[in-house]
Protein backbone atom coordinates (compact mmCIF):
# COMPACT_ATOMS: atom_id res chain seq x y z
CA MET A 1 -0.14 -0.15 0.03
CA ASN A 2 1.36 3.36 -1.09
CA LYS A 3 2.26 5.54 2.03
CA VAL A 4 3.13 9.21 2.48
CA ILE A 5 6.65 9.23 3.85
CA ILE A 6 8.38 12.19 5.31
CA ILE A 7 12.58 11.88 5.50
CA THR A 8 15.17 14.58 7.04
CA GLY A 9 18.73 14.48 5.84
CA ALA A 10 17.63 13.04 2.25
CA SER A 11 20.35 14.48 0.45
CA SER A 12 23.03 12.19 1.05
CA GLY A 13 24.09 8.72 3.09
CA PHE A 14 21.30 6.80 4.84
CA GLY A 15 18.88 9.33 3.89
CA LYS A 16 18.96 9.35 0.32
CA ILE A 17 19.36 5.75 -0.34
CA THR A 18 16.29 4.93 2.14
CA ALA A 19 14.43 7.69 0.29
CA GLU A 20 15.17 6.38 -3.20
CA ARG A 21 14.35 3.05 -2.03
CA LEU A 22 11.01 3.85 -0.69
CA ALA A 23 10.21 5.88 -3.99
CA LYS A 24 11.45 3.22 -5.97
CA HIS A 25 8.87 0.70 -4.35
CA GLY A 26 5.90 2.88 -4.75
CA HIS A 27 5.92 5.17 -1.95
CA THR A 28 5.21 8.86 -1.73
CA VAL A 29 8.51 10.40 -0.35
CA TYR A 30 9.20 14.06 0.73
CA GLY A 31 13.00 14.23 1.31
CA ILE A 32 13.79 17.34 3.73
CA CYS A 33 17.49 18.77 3.34
CA ARG A 34 19.25 21.76 3.73
CA ARG A 35 20.48 22.18 0.08
CA SER A 36 18.57 22.32 -3.02
CA MET A 37 17.95 18.77 -4.35
CA GLN A 38 15.96 17.40 -7.49
CA HIS A 39 15.24 13.88 -8.43
CA GLU A 40 12.23 11.99 -10.53
CA SER A 41 10.67 10.06 -7.77
CA ILE A 42 11.63 12.07 -4.83
CA LYS A 43 10.20 15.65 -3.36
CA TYR A 44 12.83 17.31 -2.18
CA ILE A 45 12.19 20.35 0.27
CA GLN A 46 14.91 22.34 1.03
CA LEU A 47 14.44 23.27 4.81
CA ASP A 48 16.83 23.01 7.96
CA VAL A 49 15.33 21.02 10.93
CA ARG A 50 16.33 23.49 13.45
CA ASP A 51 13.60 25.82 11.84
CA LYS A 52 10.67 25.35 13.68
CA GLU A 53 7.93 27.34 11.88
CA ALA A 54 9.19 26.61 8.62
CA ILE A 55 8.73 23.06 9.48
CA ALA A 56 5.28 23.22 10.50
CA LEU A 57 4.07 25.16 7.45
CA ASN A 58 5.68 22.81 5.20
CA ILE A 59 4.08 19.87 6.96
CA LYS A 60 0.98 21.39 6.70
CA GLU A 61 1.23 21.94 3.08
CA ILE A 62 2.24 18.28 2.79
CA HIS A 63 -0.66 17.33 4.73
CA ASP A 64 -3.16 19.64 2.87
CA LYS A 65 -1.92 18.06 -0.67
CA GLU A 66 -1.93 14.36 0.21
CA GLY A 67 -4.69 14.26 2.96
CA HIS A 68 -2.64 12.21 5.18
CA ILE A 69 1.22 11.57 6.64
CA ASP A 70 1.80 7.81 7.39
CA VAL A 71 5.58 7.75 8.29
CA LEU A 72 7.81 10.47 9.59
CA ILE A 73 11.89 9.14 9.44
CA ASN A 74 14.03 11.49 11.44
CA ASN A 75 17.50 10.80 9.69
CA ALA A 76 19.12 14.46 9.97
CA GLY A 77 22.41 14.17 11.86
CA MET A 78 25.85 15.42 12.13
CA GLY A 79 28.85 14.71 14.31
CA ILE A 80 31.55 16.83 16.16
CA GLY A 81 34.56 15.07 17.33
CA GLY A 82 36.69 16.42 20.46
CA SER A 83 36.95 16.60 24.20
CA LEU A 84 33.74 17.29 26.30
CA GLU A 85 36.03 19.68 28.27
CA MET A 86 37.15 21.85 25.44
CA ALA A 87 33.64 21.97 23.42
CA THR A 88 32.49 25.56 22.76
CA GLN A 89 28.68 26.71 23.12
CA GLU A 90 28.62 26.89 19.56
CA GLU A 91 29.82 23.32 19.05
CA ILE A 92 27.27 22.04 21.48
CA GLU A 93 24.51 23.94 20.60
CA THR A 94 24.66 23.09 17.16
CA GLN A 95 25.49 19.06 17.79
CA MET A 96 22.03 19.17 20.00
CA ASN A 97 20.07 21.34 18.07
CA VAL A 98 20.58 19.44 14.66
CA ASN A 99 20.39 15.89 16.05
CA PHE A 100 17.90 16.06 18.97
CA MET A 101 16.09 19.30 18.60
CA GLY A 102 15.72 18.61 14.71
CA CYS A 103 14.04 15.34 15.89
CA VAL A 104 11.92 17.09 18.10
CA ASN A 105 10.78 19.86 15.72
CA MET A 106 9.84 17.08 13.28
CA CYS A 107 7.85 15.30 15.65
CA GLN A 108 6.04 18.08 17.11
CA SER A 109 4.74 19.14 13.30
CA VAL A 110 3.57 15.96 12.36
CA LEU A 111 2.21 14.35 15.43
CA PRO A 112 -1.14 16.71 15.43
CA TYR A 113 -1.96 14.87 12.00
CA MET A 114 -1.05 11.33 12.87
CA ARG A 115 -3.11 11.78 15.93
CA LYS A 116 -6.19 13.15 14.31
CA GLN A 117 -6.13 10.31 11.78
CA ARG A 118 -5.29 7.67 14.86
CA ASN A 119 -2.50 6.26 12.96
CA GLY A 120 1.35 6.65 12.02
CA LYS A 121 4.90 5.77 12.40
CA ILE A 122 7.91 7.54 13.45
CA ILE A 123 11.07 6.23 12.95
CA ASN A 124 13.99 8.11 14.86
CA LEU A 125 17.66 7.31 14.02
CA SER A 126 19.74 6.82 17.01
CA SER A 127 22.95 5.11 17.22
CA ILE A 128 25.28 2.48 18.95
CA GLY A 129 26.30 5.95 20.62
CA GLY A 130 22.86 6.35 21.80
CA ILE A 131 23.60 3.07 23.88
CA MET A 132 27.10 3.93 25.01
CA GLY A 133 28.92 7.20 25.76
CA LEU A 134 31.68 7.02 23.18
CA PRO A 135 34.69 9.24 23.90
CA TYR A 136 35.82 12.10 21.96
CA GLN A 137 32.08 11.72 20.28
CA GLY A 138 30.45 12.80 23.90
CA PHE A 139 27.95 15.30 22.75
CA TYR A 140 27.00 12.98 19.64
CA SER A 141 26.46 10.30 22.18
CA ALA A 142 24.62 12.89 24.40
CA SER A 143 22.08 13.94 21.32
CA LYS A 144 21.61 10.19 20.56
CA PHE A 145 21.01 9.43 24.51
CA ALA A 146 18.44 12.21 24.30
CA ILE A 147 16.36 10.71 21.07
CA GLU A 148 16.38 7.68 23.24
CA GLY A 149 14.78 8.99 26.20
CA PHE A 150 12.54 11.30 24.11
CA SER A 151 11.32 8.26 21.46
CA GLU A 152 10.51 5.76 24.41
CA ALA A 153 8.56 8.16 26.57
CA LEU A 154 7.02 9.43 23.32
CA SER A 155 6.03 5.97 22.65
CA ALA A 156 4.22 5.49 25.47
CA GLU A 157 2.46 8.79 25.00
CA VAL A 158 1.00 8.28 21.68
CA LYS A 159 0.42 4.35 21.31
CA GLY A 160 -3.25 4.94 22.27
CA PHE A 161 -3.68 7.22 19.40
CA GLY A 162 -2.34 4.13 17.25
CA ILE A 163 0.81 5.92 16.49
CA LYS A 164 3.94 3.71 16.43
CA VAL A 165 7.31 4.90 17.50
CA SER A 166 10.54 2.93 16.60
CA MET A 167 14.53 3.96 16.73
CA VAL A 168 17.07 2.61 14.76
CA GLU A 169 20.57 2.13 16.38
CA PRO A 170 22.96 2.08 13.57
CA GLY A 171 26.71 1.13 14.32
CA ASP A 172 29.55 1.78 11.94
CA PHE A 173 28.48 2.45 8.41
CA ALA A 174 30.84 3.56 5.18
CA THR A 175 29.04 6.85 4.31
CA ASN A 176 29.90 10.26 4.00
CA PHE A 177 29.04 10.83 7.52
CA THR A 178 33.01 10.49 8.42
CA ALA A 179 34.26 12.98 5.92
CA SER A 180 31.31 15.67 6.99
CA ARG A 181 32.69 15.19 11.02
CA LYS A 182 33.54 18.56 12.54
CA ASN A 183 36.26 18.16 14.84
CA SER A 184 37.50 20.57 17.67
CA GLU A 185 40.36 22.69 17.00
CA ALA A 186 41.11 23.24 20.55
CA THR A 187 41.01 19.65 21.55
CA MET A 188 43.67 18.90 18.70
CA ASN A 189 45.98 21.77 19.57
CA ASP A 190 45.82 20.68 23.40
CA PRO A 191 49.03 19.13 24.65
CA ASP A 192 46.85 16.46 26.94
CA TYR A 193 44.19 15.54 24.63
CA GLY A 194 45.30 16.46 21.21
CA PRO A 195 47.68 13.08 20.67
CA ILE A 196 44.81 10.86 22.37
CA PHE A 197 42.18 12.58 20.50
CA LYS A 198 44.20 11.77 16.98
CA ARG A 199 44.68 8.13 17.87
CA SER A 200 41.06 7.50 18.86
CA LEU A 201 39.87 9.53 15.70
CA GLY A 202 42.15 7.23 13.65
CA LEU A 203 40.49 4.21 14.70
CA ILE A 204 37.03 5.79 14.72
CA GLU A 205 37.33 6.73 11.13
CA LYS A 206 38.94 3.29 10.08
CA GLU A 207 36.07 1.46 11.56
CA GLU A 208 33.55 3.71 10.11
CA ASN A 209 35.24 3.32 6.62
CA GLY A 210 35.21 -0.17 6.69
CA GLY A 211 31.84 -0.45 8.04
CA LEU A 212 28.53 -1.90 6.65
CA LYS A 213 27.11 -0.48 3.34
CA PRO A 214 24.22 1.89 3.66
CA GLU A 215 21.65 -0.17 1.61
CA VAL A 216 21.93 -2.66 4.73
CA LEU A 217 20.21 0.00 6.89
CA ALA A 218 17.99 1.07 4.34
CA ARG A 219 16.42 -2.52 3.94
CA LYS A 220 15.58 -2.41 7.82
CA ILE A 221 14.01 0.82 7.79
CA GLU A 222 11.86 -0.31 4.70
CA LYS A 223 11.14 -3.27 6.80
CA ILE A 224 10.07 -1.11 9.70
CA VAL A 225 7.74 0.83 7.53
CA ASN A 226 5.99 -1.96 6.50
CA ALA A 227 5.95 -3.80 9.76
CA LYS A 228 2.41 -4.04 11.29
CA HIS A 229 3.81 -4.28 14.74
CA PRO A 230 7.46 -2.65 14.83
CA ARG A 231 9.89 -2.89 17.87
CA LEU A 232 10.86 -0.11 19.66
CA ARG A 233 14.79 -0.93 19.04
CA TYR A 234 16.66 -2.39 16.15
CA VAL A 235 20.21 -2.41 16.52
CA VAL A 236 21.78 -2.56 13.02
CA ALA A 237 25.57 -3.24 13.18
CA ASN A 238 28.62 -5.96 13.11
CA LEU A 239 28.75 -8.94 15.26
CA GLU A 240 31.35 -7.05 17.32
CA GLN A 241 29.46 -4.20 17.88
CA TRP A 242 26.51 -6.58 18.84
CA PHE A 243 28.64 -7.86 21.38
CA SER A 244 29.19 -4.69 22.72
CA VAL A 245 25.89 -3.67 23.10
CA VAL A 246 24.86 -7.17 24.98
CA LEU A 247 27.80 -6.67 26.97
CA LYS A 248 27.01 -3.31 28.39
CA ARG A 249 23.66 -4.73 29.77
CA LEU A 250 25.26 -7.19 31.41
CA ILE A 251 28.72 -6.21 33.11
CA PRO A 252 29.05 -3.31 36.01
CA GLY A 253 29.58 0.18 34.66
CA ASN A 254 33.10 0.90 35.47
CA LEU A 255 34.03 -2.52 33.80
CA PHE A 256 32.64 -1.22 30.67
CA VAL A 257 34.18 2.06 30.77
CA ASP A 258 37.55 0.40 31.21
CA ILE A 259 36.88 -1.53 28.20
CA LEU A 260 36.09 1.93 26.35
CA VAL A 261 39.45 3.36 27.77
CA SER A 262 41.24 0.26 26.50
CA TYR A 263 39.45 -0.18 23.12
CA TYR A 264 39.66 3.61 22.15
CA LYS A 265 43.20 3.98 23.67
CA THR A 266 42.29 7.03 25.53
CA LYS A 267 45.07 6.91 28.50
CA PRO A 268 47.83 9.38 27.97
CA ASN A 269 51.09 8.17 27.22
CA LYS A 270 53.63 7.97 30.16
CA HIS A 271 56.15 10.85 29.65
């Protein structure tokens, strides 16, 4: 059955491939992104997810035209690498406003229509970094932890209206996310943090560049779109990252932090 689907961050990576897959299989897809885009089967809208007023106007236009909105996929996101101590206010606000408040803005604009029709599906892109706090990606993790809590609470609030909420928690994927990550200059130049950050960043980028293909995630999202009774959470990752998620649930917190320290090599070198 044809569904009206809105997906954010649709100009590249997960968003673009997912939008193209859903459109190819007969759905009406509206792709929201910050730059101007054209596609024969995707209706692109140039929009910043931080602009709540513009979002509300565009969502109303979509609903007025289509008569219903069936699925919202909150995929827009970005990453800023660096130490938590040295993050600037601008870096923190950018990270949280794009990843978390962008998701909130979209949900708040779409929910009145889904609630009125007593039907709908919201799929929020979280991350493995929303399950465990990743060193030198701390505010990225914080934004994804926020999506986790928000989505769980939202699911409980809107389930009675026939609206289903799911989270997708990807591990490492080979997309342009790595190349577009912004890194803290203050952290890079700090005599304590700098060498550790560069070492950790090398490991992070190696894993991302060797990660799963984004088509894997696009297929999973399509299955959630079509699922009659979708789950709240879906981890989409390689075996090692799956194991780390399970391990975090089983062992004491301090021990898991020690594993993160060892894995990401965040101990300073001895002078």
